[in-house]
Every structure is written in C-alpha cells, then in structure tokens.
Amino acid sequence: MIKSTMPVSLFEKLADDMLMFPDTVELLRICGNGEPLMNEGIVQMLRCTKEKKIAKRTELFTNGIMLTADLIKDLPRLLDKIIISVEGLSSEDYQHACGVNINFQNLLNNLDDLYSRKGKCIIHIKIFHEAVLSERRKAEFLGIFGKRCDEIYIEKTVPMWPQLHIACSHDEFRWGGRPVEHRICAQIFKSVQVQADGEVVPCCVDWRRINVLGDINKNTLYEIWNCEKLRRLQIEHLSGNKNGVEPCRDCRMNDYCEIDNIDTHAEECMRRLRKITQG
C-alpha cells in the first residue's frame, strides 16, 4: 500500500473536476485507507469543498485521537457529518485493541468540545461489536458516548475484505440482520475512490489497486468516471461474471454492508449502459 497524504493543490484540482458533472455530487466522503486528520491541509481542503459547493453533503471519518482545538472549531462549520470510530472504553482498551497509548480522558474532553460546537453538523460515534460483547460493556459504551453525539451505533464486524481473514463471532449484516448475497456490485455504479496520490479505483475494497481506472493528475475525474475500463467492469457484473474479476470475486462488502441492491435491474442497467457507450 502506498503511504502518502493528498496535496491541497491536487484536492483543489479534484474539486474542479467534480464540478464538471451535470448534476451536483450527492456525497463526498473524506475517508479511505488512513486517518484524514493526519493531513495538515485538511481544513483548507474542506474550505474548498464548502466554497465551491462541490457536493450536496460532505462527511469525514476519523478515530478522533488527533482532534485539536483548532480542528474542533473548524470541522463542524465545514462538514455535514463527522463519523468517529472509537476502539474501546478506556486507555487500556486502546492499548489492547490497537497497541497504542492514548489519553482517553483527553479524547472525551475533545468530544465534549466538538459536540458543544457542532452547530448543524451531525456527530456520529460508533464502535465495533467485539469491543462491547457483554451487556454491561454495551451499556457502558452508550453511557460514556451517548451524551457526546447525535447518532451512536455498535457495528458488527463483518468479513467484507478480500485477501484478509476476519474472525467473527457471528454471521450478520453490518448493522444487524442476515447478510444478503448480491450478484451485482452497486458500488461501481454510484461511486469511485480517489487515492491520496490521485489514482482512482472503483471502491475502497480494491486496496491493492488491481483495477486502477485512471489518475486525476493526468485526466479529469469526469473522464475517468466515463472511461472504458469502468464500463467493462460494470458490464462484467451485469452479465453475471463477477466471479471472473479481481478483487470482486472474493469481496463480500455488498453482502454485509450495502443496502442498495440492483440485481433485479440488471437488464435495464445493461440497456442504459449500452446506450451510453454507443451514443
């Protein structure tokens, strides 16, 4: 995996690319393969999204550990939602789960400050199921964090990633209920992921960059969204050939995490796709 942070200049170019689409992008998510708050230009980037109105909604995922007074002041003014993933209920929990030492009380103080300054921004806090297995631990999690957010959730740990073995104590959908097998991936019809260096992949599951669709350093995001490689990938899924494509063959993200299901619309999607490619 390539380790880097996106330069502000490249993000500004991406923002201009997003304005090329005929309709405003529904959702911009600042997330992916790292911690967004490690990027020293994050506030400047978010100001760009706000000023240029490049998306109807902008969300940021963070573990919250790197929150500072300045970030707490700026982030809620520039975002529609902040999703905070917590890893435990104490400093000891973090050491056990992540192998890092954090000041847990400092994290709570920062969350208090963030929530008091949130304005219209939604604060969402979540934790993984295995961190709060007992009813006592669940109640403790809700008691600690429930007063510091608008939304709170205990997410199931699910085996969604290809090439990685995830040990789970259950076989459930990410937010409860039974997983549903999807023949066609909805992700590749509604989103792409732009990596920190500008390369574009169909989704977050392709962390090995098997299907690089393009590079925003060389082309616009609009051109990449309409590229032949993505169209071929979409056609493979619509034709029922997902199992012949890497990393899609072993991916379970849609089965365990995706509420959209376009399996019954395959013929209609194929007709529209062919019309686009031919016209």
C-alpha atoms as a PDB file:
ATOM      1  CA  MET A   1       0.000   0.000   0.000  1.00  0.00           C
ATOM      2  CA  ILE A   2       1.300   3.456  -0.940  1.00  0.00           C
ATOM      3  CA  LYS A   3       1.643   5.714   2.118  1.00  0.00           C
ATOM      4  CA  SER A   4       1.072   9.395   1.387  1.00  0.00           C
ATOM      5  CA  THR A   5      -1.217  12.333   2.026  1.00  0.00           C
ATOM      6  CA  MET A   6      -3.010  14.223  -0.730  1.00  0.00           C
ATOM      7  CA  PRO A   7      -1.559  17.675  -1.503  1.00  0.00           C
ATOM      8  CA  VAL A   8      -4.010  20.549  -1.228  1.00  0.00           C
ATOM      9  CA  SER A   9      -3.323  21.507  -4.849  1.00  0.00           C
ATOM     10  CA  LEU A  10      -4.380  18.045  -6.032  1.00  0.00           C
ATOM     11  CA  PHE A  11      -7.542  18.165  -3.933  1.00  0.00           C
ATOM     12  CA  GLU A  12      -8.397  21.562  -5.422  1.00  0.00           C
ATOM     13  CA  LYS A  13      -7.981  20.051  -8.882  1.00  0.00           C
ATOM     14  CA  LEU A  14     -10.281  17.202  -7.835  1.00  0.00           C
ATOM     15  CA  ALA A  15     -12.858  19.730  -6.642  1.00  0.00           C
ATOM     16  CA  ASP A  16     -12.818  21.439 -10.033  1.00  0.00           C
ATOM     17  CA  ASP A  17     -13.209  18.041 -11.708  1.00  0.00           C
ATOM     18  CA  MET A  18     -16.283  17.287  -9.606  1.00  0.00           C
ATOM     19  CA  LEU A  19     -17.917  20.481 -10.839  1.00  0.00           C
ATOM     20  CA  MET A  20     -17.774  19.097 -14.397  1.00  0.00           C
ATOM     21  CA  PHE A  21     -20.561  16.587 -13.709  1.00  0.00           C
ATOM     22  CA  PRO A  22     -24.008  17.651 -14.961  1.00  0.00           C
ATOM     23  CA  ASP A  23     -25.529  17.125 -11.507  1.00  0.00           C
ATOM     24  CA  THR A  24     -24.039  18.038  -8.151  1.00  0.00           C
ATOM     25  CA  VAL A  25     -22.339  15.076  -6.486  1.00  0.00           C
ATOM     26  CA  GLU A  26     -24.625  13.698  -3.777  1.00  0.00           C
ATOM     27  CA  LEU A  27     -21.992  12.754  -1.214  1.00  0.00           C
ATOM     28  CA  LEU A  28     -18.278  13.390  -0.720  1.00  0.00           C
ATOM     29  CA  ARG A  29     -16.686  11.194   1.915  1.00  0.00           C
ATOM     30  CA  ILE A  30     -13.266  12.038   3.318  1.00  0.00           C
ATOM     31  CA  CYS A  31     -12.067   8.562   4.298  1.00  0.00           C
ATOM     32  CA  GLY A  32     -10.303   5.556   2.843  1.00  0.00           C
ATOM     33  CA  ASN A  33      -7.043   3.892   3.789  1.00  0.00           C
ATOM     34  CA  GLY A  34      -5.883   6.217   6.552  1.00  0.00           C
ATOM     35  CA  GLU A  35      -6.677   8.886   9.126  1.00  0.00           C
ATOM     36  CA  PRO A  36      -7.796  12.145   7.403  1.00  0.00           C
ATOM     37  CA  LEU A  37      -6.698  14.357  10.300  1.00  0.00           C
ATOM     38  CA  MET A  38      -3.065  13.379   9.606  1.00  0.00           C
ATOM     39  CA  ASN A  39      -3.255  15.594   6.528  1.00  0.00           C
ATOM     40  CA  GLU A  40      -2.087  19.061   7.569  1.00  0.00           C
ATOM     41  CA  GLY A  41      -4.119  20.598   4.743  1.00  0.00           C
ATOM     42  CA  ILE A  42      -7.432  19.015   5.727  1.00  0.00           C
ATOM     43  CA  VAL A  43      -9.104  22.283   6.797  1.00  0.00           C
ATOM     44  CA  GLN A  44      -8.011  24.038   3.609  1.00  0.00           C
ATOM     45  CA  MET A  45      -9.433  21.138   1.593  1.00  0.00           C
ATOM     46  CA  LEU A  46     -12.746  21.248   3.414  1.00  0.00           C
ATOM     47  CA  ARG A  47     -12.973  25.000   2.931  1.00  0.00           C
ATOM     48  CA  CYS A  48     -12.578  24.321  -0.778  1.00  0.00           C
ATOM     49  CA  THR A  49     -15.496  21.863  -0.766  1.00  0.00           C
ATOM     50  CA  LYS A  50     -17.663  24.383   1.075  1.00  0.00           C
ATOM     51  CA  GLU A  51     -16.788  27.398  -1.044  1.00  0.00           C
ATOM     52  CA  LYS A  52     -17.120  25.601  -4.389  1.00  0.00           C
ATOM     53  CA  LYS A  53     -20.216  23.616  -3.302  1.00  0.00           C
ATOM     54  CA  ILE A  54     -18.895  20.501  -4.981  1.00  0.00           C
ATOM     55  CA  ALA A  55     -21.215  18.091  -3.145  1.00  0.00           C
ATOM     56  CA  LYS A  56     -24.635  18.188  -1.526  1.00  0.00           C
ATOM     57  CA  ARG A  57     -23.208  16.549   1.605  1.00  0.00           C
ATOM     58  CA  THR A  58     -19.669  16.124   2.926  1.00  0.00           C
ATOM     59  CA  GLU A  59     -18.736  13.598   5.605  1.00  0.00           C
ATOM     60  CA  LEU A  60     -15.442  12.830   7.330  1.00  0.00           C
ATOM     61  CA  PHE A  61     -14.412   9.610   9.076  1.00  0.00           C
ATOM     62  CA  THR A  62     -11.884   9.827  11.906  1.00  0.00           C
ATOM     63  CA  ASN A  63     -10.767   7.973  15.026  1.00  0.00           C
ATOM     64  CA  GLY A  64     -10.882  11.313  16.855  1.00  0.00           C
ATOM     65  CA  ILE A  65      -7.492  10.910  18.500  1.00  0.00           C
ATOM     66  CA  MET A  66      -5.904  13.785  16.563  1.00  0.00           C
ATOM     67  CA  LEU A  67      -8.631  16.318  17.294  1.00  0.00           C
ATOM     68  CA  THR A  68      -7.216  19.693  18.361  1.00  0.00           C
ATOM     69  CA  ALA A  69      -8.808  22.951  19.495  1.00  0.00           C
ATOM     70  CA  ASP A  70      -8.414  24.431  16.006  1.00  0.00           C
ATOM     71  CA  LEU A  71      -9.887  21.386  14.282  1.00  0.00           C
ATOM     72  CA  ILE A  72     -12.768  21.280  16.746  1.00  0.00           C
ATOM     73  CA  LYS A  73     -13.516  24.892  15.834  1.00  0.00           C
ATOM     74  CA  ASP A  74     -13.275  24.402  12.053  1.00  0.00           C
ATOM     75  CA  LEU A  75     -14.574  20.908  11.245  1.00  0.00           C
ATOM     76  CA  PRO A  76     -18.251  21.329  12.253  1.00  0.00           C
ATOM     77  CA  ARG A  77     -18.534  24.513  10.157  1.00  0.00           C
ATOM     78  CA  LEU A  78     -17.235  22.735   7.063  1.00  0.00           C
ATOM     79  CA  LEU A  79     -18.885  19.310   7.319  1.00  0.00           C
ATOM     80  CA  ASP A  80     -22.385  17.873   7.338  1.00  0.00           C
ATOM     81  CA  LYS A  81     -21.404  14.821   9.374  1.00  0.00           C
ATOM     82  CA  ILE A  82     -18.396  13.632  11.366  1.00  0.00           C
ATOM     83  CA  ILE A  83     -18.207   9.862  11.924  1.00  0.00           C
ATOM     84  CA  ILE A  84     -15.944   8.927  14.824  1.00  0.00           C
ATOM     85  CA  SER A  85     -14.797   5.334  15.253  1.00  0.00           C
ATOM     86  CA  VAL A  86     -13.806   4.537  18.829  1.00  0.00           C
ATOM     87  CA  GLU A  87     -11.835   1.430  19.731  1.00  0.00           C
ATOM     88  CA  GLY A  88     -12.606   0.987  23.406  1.00  0.00           C
ATOM     89  CA  LEU A  89     -13.876   2.388  26.679  1.00  0.00           C
ATOM     90  CA  SER A  90     -10.542   3.209  28.313  1.00  0.00           C
ATOM     91  CA  SER A  91      -6.869   3.821  27.622  1.00  0.00           C
ATOM     92  CA  GLU A  92      -6.280   0.161  28.452  1.00  0.00           C
ATOM     93  CA  ASP A  93      -8.796  -0.921  25.819  1.00  0.00           C
ATOM     94  CA  TYR A  94      -6.963   1.107  23.172  1.00  0.00           C
ATOM     95  CA  GLN A  95      -3.642  -0.431  24.160  1.00  0.00           C
ATOM     96  CA  HIS A  96      -5.150  -3.908  23.885  1.00  0.00           C
ATOM     97  CA  ALA A  97      -7.031  -3.333  20.608  1.00  0.00           C
ATOM     98  CA  CYS A  98      -4.600  -1.055  18.745  1.00  0.00           C
ATOM     99  CA  GLY A  99      -1.281  -1.303  20.528  1.00  0.00           C
ATOM    100  CA  VAL A 100      -1.199   2.465  21.130  1.00  0.00           C
ATOM    101  CA  ASN A 101      -1.222   4.602  24.242  1.00  0.00           C
ATOM    102  CA  ILE A 102      -3.839   7.361  24.235  1.00  0.00           C
ATOM    103  CA  ASN A 103      -5.132   9.747  26.858  1.00  0.00           C
ATOM    104  CA  PHE A 104      -8.733   8.526  26.961  1.00  0.00           C
ATOM    105  CA  GLN A 105      -9.931  11.401  29.127  1.00  0.00           C
ATOM    106  CA  ASN A 106      -8.436  13.850  26.655  1.00  0.00           C
ATOM    107  CA  LEU A 107     -10.388  12.133  23.863  1.00  0.00           C
ATOM    108  CA  LEU A 108     -13.611  12.508  25.867  1.00  0.00           C
ATOM    109  CA  ASN A 109     -12.865  16.170  26.586  1.00  0.00           C
ATOM    110  CA  ASN A 110     -12.317  16.833  22.896  1.00  0.00           C
ATOM    111  CA  LEU A 111     -15.575  15.055  22.002  1.00  0.00           C
ATOM    112  CA  ASP A 112     -17.381  17.221  24.563  1.00  0.00           C
ATOM    113  CA  ASP A 113     -15.939  20.332  22.975  1.00  0.00           C
ATOM    114  CA  LEU A 114     -16.724  19.114  19.460  1.00  0.00           C
ATOM    115  CA  TYR A 115     -20.326  18.329  20.367  1.00  0.00           C
ATOM    116  CA  SER A 116     -20.812  21.716  22.017  1.00  0.00           C
ATOM    117  CA  ARG A 117     -19.629  23.435  18.824  1.00  0.00           C
ATOM    118  CA  LYS A 118     -21.345  21.151  16.302  1.00  0.00           C
ATOM    119  CA  GLY A 119     -23.987  23.569  15.057  1.00  0.00           C
ATOM    120  CA  LYS A 120     -25.860  21.801  12.235  1.00  0.00           C
ATOM    121  CA  CYS A 121     -23.137  19.170  11.813  1.00  0.00           C
ATOM    122  CA  ILE A 122     -24.196  15.647  12.847  1.00  0.00           C
ATOM    123  CA  ILE A 123     -21.803  13.865  15.208  1.00  0.00           C
ATOM    124  CA  HIS A 124     -21.916  10.082  14.808  1.00  0.00           C
ATOM    125  CA  ILE A 125     -19.973   7.749  17.123  1.00  0.00           C
ATOM    126  CA  LYS A 126     -19.563   4.028  16.520  1.00  0.00           C
ATOM    127  CA  ILE A 127     -17.664   1.088  17.939  1.00  0.00           C
ATOM    128  CA  PHE A 128     -17.084  -2.444  16.694  1.00  0.00           C
ATOM    129  CA  HIS A 129     -19.212  -5.207  18.199  1.00  0.00           C
ATOM    130  CA  GLU A 130     -16.328  -7.258  19.621  1.00  0.00           C
ATOM    131  CA  ALA A 131     -15.264  -4.317  21.816  1.00  0.00           C
ATOM    132  CA  VAL A 132     -18.545  -4.411  23.764  1.00  0.00           C
ATOM    133  CA  LEU A 133     -19.673  -8.030  23.789  1.00  0.00           C
ATOM    134  CA  SER A 134     -21.323  -8.062  27.210  1.00  0.00           C
ATOM    135  CA  GLU A 135     -24.494  -6.160  28.086  1.00  0.00           C
ATOM    136  CA  ARG A 136     -22.517  -4.331  30.767  1.00  0.00           C
ATOM    137  CA  ARG A 137     -19.965  -3.153  28.208  1.00  0.00           C
ATOM    138  CA  LYS A 138     -22.703  -2.073  25.788  1.00  0.00           C
ATOM    139  CA  ALA A 139     -24.409  -0.050  28.499  1.00  0.00           C
ATOM    140  CA  GLU A 140     -21.057   1.484  29.464  1.00  0.00           C
ATOM    141  CA  PHE A 141     -20.384   2.485  25.836  1.00  0.00           C
ATOM    142  CA  LEU A 142     -23.800   4.097  25.478  1.00  0.00           C
ATOM    143  CA  GLY A 143     -23.387   5.843  28.822  1.00  0.00           C
ATOM    144  CA  ILE A 144     -19.964   7.264  28.001  1.00  0.00           C
ATOM    145  CA  PHE A 145     -20.556   8.351  24.413  1.00  0.00           C
ATOM    146  CA  GLY A 146     -24.324   8.737  24.063  1.00  0.00           C
ATOM    147  CA  LYS A 147     -24.294  12.255  25.508  1.00  0.00           C
ATOM    148  CA  ARG A 148     -21.456  13.277  23.191  1.00  0.00           C
ATOM    149  CA  CYS A 149     -23.119  12.634  19.813  1.00  0.00           C
ATOM    150  CA  ASP A 150     -26.322  12.791  17.763  1.00  0.00           C
ATOM    151  CA  GLU A 151     -26.075   9.215  16.486  1.00  0.00           C
ATOM    152  CA  ILE A 152     -24.494   6.188  18.125  1.00  0.00           C
ATOM    153  CA  TYR A 153     -24.047   2.652  16.879  1.00  0.00           C
ATOM    154  CA  ILE A 154     -22.479  -0.701  17.634  1.00  0.00           C
ATOM    155  CA  GLU A 155     -21.361  -2.133  14.298  1.00  0.00           C
ATOM    156  CA  LYS A 156     -20.972  -5.808  13.583  1.00  0.00           C
ATOM    157  CA  THR A 157     -17.532  -6.942  12.494  1.00  0.00           C
ATOM    158  CA  VAL A 158     -18.004  -8.489   9.058  1.00  0.00           C
ATOM    159  CA  PRO A 159     -15.768 -10.457   6.631  1.00  0.00           C
ATOM    160  CA  MET A 160     -16.090  -7.967   3.765  1.00  0.00           C
ATOM    161  CA  TRP A 161     -12.450  -7.648   2.675  1.00  0.00           C
ATOM    162  CA  PRO A 162     -10.934  -9.950   0.050  1.00  0.00           C
ATOM    163  CA  GLN A 163      -7.408 -11.208   0.796  1.00  0.00           C
ATOM    164  CA  LEU A 164      -7.974 -10.664   4.532  1.00  0.00           C
ATOM    165  CA  HIS A 165      -9.258 -13.141   7.103  1.00  0.00           C
ATOM    166  CA  ILE A 166     -11.622 -11.506   9.589  1.00  0.00           C
ATOM    167  CA  ALA A 167     -12.579 -13.633  12.590  1.00  0.00           C
ATOM    168  CA  CYS A 168     -16.233 -13.003  13.506  1.00  0.00           C
ATOM    169  CA  SER A 169     -18.338 -14.413  16.304  1.00  0.00           C
ATOM    170  CA  HIS A 170     -21.491 -14.095  14.169  1.00  0.00           C
ATOM    171  CA  ASP A 171     -22.768 -14.072  10.584  1.00  0.00           C
ATOM    172  CA  GLU A 172     -24.790 -10.881  10.392  1.00  0.00           C
ATOM    173  CA  PHE A 173     -25.200  -7.781   8.273  1.00  0.00           C
ATOM    174  CA  ARG A 174     -23.007  -4.900   9.411  1.00  0.00           C
ATOM    175  CA  TRP A 175     -25.963  -3.191  11.139  1.00  0.00           C
ATOM    176  CA  GLY A 176     -27.832  -6.338  12.174  1.00  0.00           C
ATOM    177  CA  GLY A 177     -29.965  -8.943  10.396  1.00  0.00           C
ATOM    178  CA  ARG A 178     -28.929 -11.572   7.905  1.00  0.00           C
ATOM    179  CA  PRO A 179     -26.446 -10.806   5.099  1.00  0.00           C
ATOM    180  CA  VAL A 180     -27.932 -10.806   1.592  1.00  0.00           C
ATOM    181  CA  GLU A 181     -25.915 -12.137  -1.323  1.00  0.00           C
ATOM    182  CA  HIS A 182     -25.584  -9.648  -4.183  1.00  0.00           C
ATOM    183  CA  ARG A 183     -24.850 -10.766  -7.723  1.00  0.00           C
ATOM    184  CA  ILE A 184     -24.040  -7.230  -8.894  1.00  0.00           C
ATOM    185  CA  CYS A 185     -21.975  -4.669  -7.005  1.00  0.00           C
ATOM    186  CA  ALA A 186     -23.901  -1.423  -6.504  1.00  0.00           C
ATOM    187  CA  GLN A 187     -20.696   0.438  -5.575  1.00  0.00           C
ATOM    188  CA  ILE A 188     -19.274   0.571  -9.091  1.00  0.00           C
ATOM    189  CA  PHE A 189     -22.417   2.276 -10.404  1.00  0.00           C
ATOM    190  CA  LYS A 190     -22.533   5.119  -7.888  1.00  0.00           C
ATOM    191  CA  SER A 191     -19.044   5.948  -6.633  1.00  0.00           C
ATOM    192  CA  VAL A 192     -15.282   5.745  -7.036  1.00  0.00           C
ATOM    193  CA  GLN A 193     -12.417   6.215  -4.599  1.00  0.00           C
ATOM    194  CA  VAL A 194      -9.678   8.749  -5.270  1.00  0.00           C
ATOM    195  CA  GLN A 195      -6.450   7.771  -3.532  1.00  0.00           C
ATOM    196  CA  ALA A 196      -4.092  10.246  -1.888  1.00  0.00           C
ATOM    197  CA  ASP A 197      -1.710  10.210  -4.876  1.00  0.00           C
ATOM    198  CA  GLY A 198      -4.513  10.776  -7.401  1.00  0.00           C
ATOM    199  CA  GLU A 199      -5.074   7.233  -8.640  1.00  0.00           C
ATOM    200  CA  VAL A 200      -8.729   6.235  -8.888  1.00  0.00           C
ATOM    201  CA  VAL A 201     -10.134   2.786  -8.058  1.00  0.00           C
ATOM    202  CA  PRO A 202     -13.744   1.572  -8.209  1.00  0.00           C
ATOM    203  CA  CYS A 203     -14.149   1.207  -4.448  1.00  0.00           C
ATOM    204  CA  CYS A 204     -12.400   1.010  -1.066  1.00  0.00           C
ATOM    205  CA  VAL A 205     -12.200  -2.781  -1.245  1.00  0.00           C
ATOM    206  CA  ASP A 206      -9.622  -2.523  -4.055  1.00  0.00           C
ATOM    207  CA  TRP A 207      -6.874  -1.511  -1.608  1.00  0.00           C
ATOM    208  CA  ARG A 208      -4.295  -3.399  -3.696  1.00  0.00           C
ATOM    209  CA  ARG A 209      -5.224  -1.194  -6.701  1.00  0.00           C
ATOM    210  CA  ILE A 210      -5.940  -4.091  -9.032  1.00  0.00           C
ATOM    211  CA  ASN A 211      -8.394  -2.056 -11.107  1.00  0.00           C
ATOM    212  CA  VAL A 212      -6.851   1.401 -11.395  1.00  0.00           C
ATOM    213  CA  LEU A 213      -9.272   3.350 -13.566  1.00  0.00           C
ATOM    214  CA  GLY A 214      -7.087   6.404 -14.048  1.00  0.00           C
ATOM    215  CA  ASP A 215      -5.188   9.205 -12.378  1.00  0.00           C
ATOM    216  CA  ILE A 216      -6.584  12.687 -11.750  1.00  0.00           C
ATOM    217  CA  ASN A 217      -3.068  14.067 -12.268  1.00  0.00           C
ATOM    218  CA  LYS A 218      -3.474  13.084 -15.927  1.00  0.00           C
ATOM    219  CA  ASN A 219      -7.220  13.138 -16.590  1.00  0.00           C
ATOM    220  CA  THR A 220     -10.332  14.680 -15.086  1.00  0.00           C
ATOM    221  CA  LEU A 221     -12.489  12.684 -12.711  1.00  0.00           C
ATOM    222  CA  TYR A 222     -15.343  13.132 -15.187  1.00  0.00           C
ATOM    223  CA  GLU A 223     -13.270  11.437 -17.900  1.00  0.00           C
ATOM    224  CA  ILE A 224     -12.298   8.630 -15.533  1.00  0.00           C
ATOM    225  CA  TRP A 225     -15.924   8.078 -14.459  1.00  0.00           C
ATOM    226  CA  ASN A 226     -16.812   7.633 -18.134  1.00  0.00           C
ATOM    227  CA  CYS A 227     -13.773   5.529 -19.044  1.00  0.00           C
ATOM    228  CA  GLU A 228     -13.931   2.247 -20.917  1.00  0.00           C
ATOM    229  CA  LYS A 229     -12.297   0.272 -18.089  1.00  0.00           C
ATOM    230  CA  LEU A 230     -15.070   1.122 -15.627  1.00  0.00           C
ATOM    231  CA  ARG A 231     -17.724   0.397 -18.257  1.00  0.00           C
ATOM    232  CA  ARG A 232     -16.179  -3.056 -18.880  1.00  0.00           C
ATOM    233  CA  LEU A 233     -16.186  -3.764 -15.140  1.00  0.00           C
ATOM    234  CA  GLN A 234     -19.846  -2.729 -14.894  1.00  0.00           C
ATOM    235  CA  ILE A 235     -20.763  -4.905 -17.870  1.00  0.00           C
ATOM    236  CA  GLU A 236     -18.987  -7.910 -16.337  1.00  0.00           C
ATOM    237  CA  HIS A 237     -21.109  -7.543 -13.207  1.00  0.00           C
ATOM    238  CA  LEU A 238     -24.348  -7.018 -15.113  1.00  0.00           C
ATOM    239  CA  SER A 239     -23.560 -10.091 -17.240  1.00  0.00           C
ATOM    240  CA  GLY A 240     -23.172 -12.260 -14.140  1.00  0.00           C
ATOM    241  CA  ASN A 241     -19.401 -12.578 -14.480  1.00  0.00           C
ATOM    242  CA  LYS A 242     -18.377 -11.022 -11.134  1.00  0.00           C
ATOM    243  CA  ASN A 243     -16.541 -14.192 -10.127  1.00  0.00           C
ATOM    244  CA  GLY A 244     -14.137 -13.706 -13.017  1.00  0.00           C
ATOM    245  CA  VAL A 245     -12.995 -10.304 -11.789  1.00  0.00           C
ATOM    246  CA  GLU A 246     -10.434  -9.492  -9.084  1.00  0.00           C
ATOM    247  CA  PRO A 247     -10.907  -8.450  -6.316  1.00  0.00           C
ATOM    248  CA  CYS A 248     -14.689  -8.694  -6.836  1.00  0.00           C
ATOM    249  CA  ARG A 249     -14.673 -12.483  -6.820  1.00  0.00           C
ATOM    250  CA  ASP A 250     -13.935 -12.770  -3.095  1.00  0.00           C
ATOM    251  CA  CYS A 251     -15.480  -9.476  -1.990  1.00  0.00           C
ATOM    252  CA  ARG A 252     -18.389  -9.646   0.462  1.00  0.00           C
ATOM    253  CA  MET A 253     -18.761  -5.925   1.092  1.00  0.00           C
ATOM    254  CA  ASN A 254     -22.088  -5.663  -0.717  1.00  0.00           C
ATOM    255  CA  ASP A 255     -23.458  -8.743   1.041  1.00  0.00           C
ATOM    256  CA  TYR A 256     -22.592  -7.454   4.509  1.00  0.00           C
ATOM    257  CA  CYS A 257     -22.606  -3.646   4.196  1.00  0.00           C
ATOM    258  CA  GLU A 258     -24.684  -2.465   1.220  1.00  0.00           C
ATOM    259  CA  ILE A 259     -28.379  -1.623   1.453  1.00  0.00           C
ATOM    260  CA  ASP A 260     -28.721  -0.947  -2.288  1.00  0.00           C
ATOM    261  CA  ASN A 261     -29.485  -3.981  -4.440  1.00  0.00           C
ATOM    262  CA  ILE A 262     -29.634  -3.652  -8.230  1.00  0.00           C
ATOM    263  CA  ASP A 263     -29.723  -7.376  -9.056  1.00  0.00           C
ATOM    264  CA  THR A 264     -33.317  -7.176 -10.292  1.00  0.00           C
ATOM    265  CA  HIS A 265     -32.467  -4.187 -12.508  1.00  0.00           C
ATOM    266  CA  ALA A 266     -29.618  -5.853 -14.437  1.00  0.00           C
ATOM    267  CA  GLU A 267     -31.347  -5.817 -17.844  1.00  0.00           C
ATOM    268  CA  GLU A 268     -32.431  -2.194 -17.508  1.00  0.00           C
ATOM    269  CA  CYS A 269     -28.945  -1.142 -16.391  1.00  0.00           C
ATOM    270  CA  MET A 270     -27.370  -3.021 -19.297  1.00  0.00           C
ATOM    271  CA  ARG A 271     -29.658  -1.297 -21.795  1.00  0.00           C
ATOM    272  CA  ARG A 272     -28.810   2.123 -20.396  1.00  0.00           C
ATOM    273  CA  LEU A 273     -25.100   1.339 -20.294  1.00  0.00           C
ATOM    274  CA  ARG A 274     -25.058   0.198 -23.902  1.00  0.00           C
ATOM    275  CA  LYS A 275     -26.951   3.324 -24.921  1.00  0.00           C
ATOM    276  CA  ILE A 276     -24.318   5.464 -23.184  1.00  0.00           C
ATOM    277  CA  THR A 277     -21.379   3.608 -24.705  1.00  0.00           C
ATOM    278  CA  GLN A 278     -22.877   3.648 -28.201  1.00  0.00           C
ATOM    279  CA  GLY A 279     -24.101   7.205 -28.105  1.00  0.00           C
END
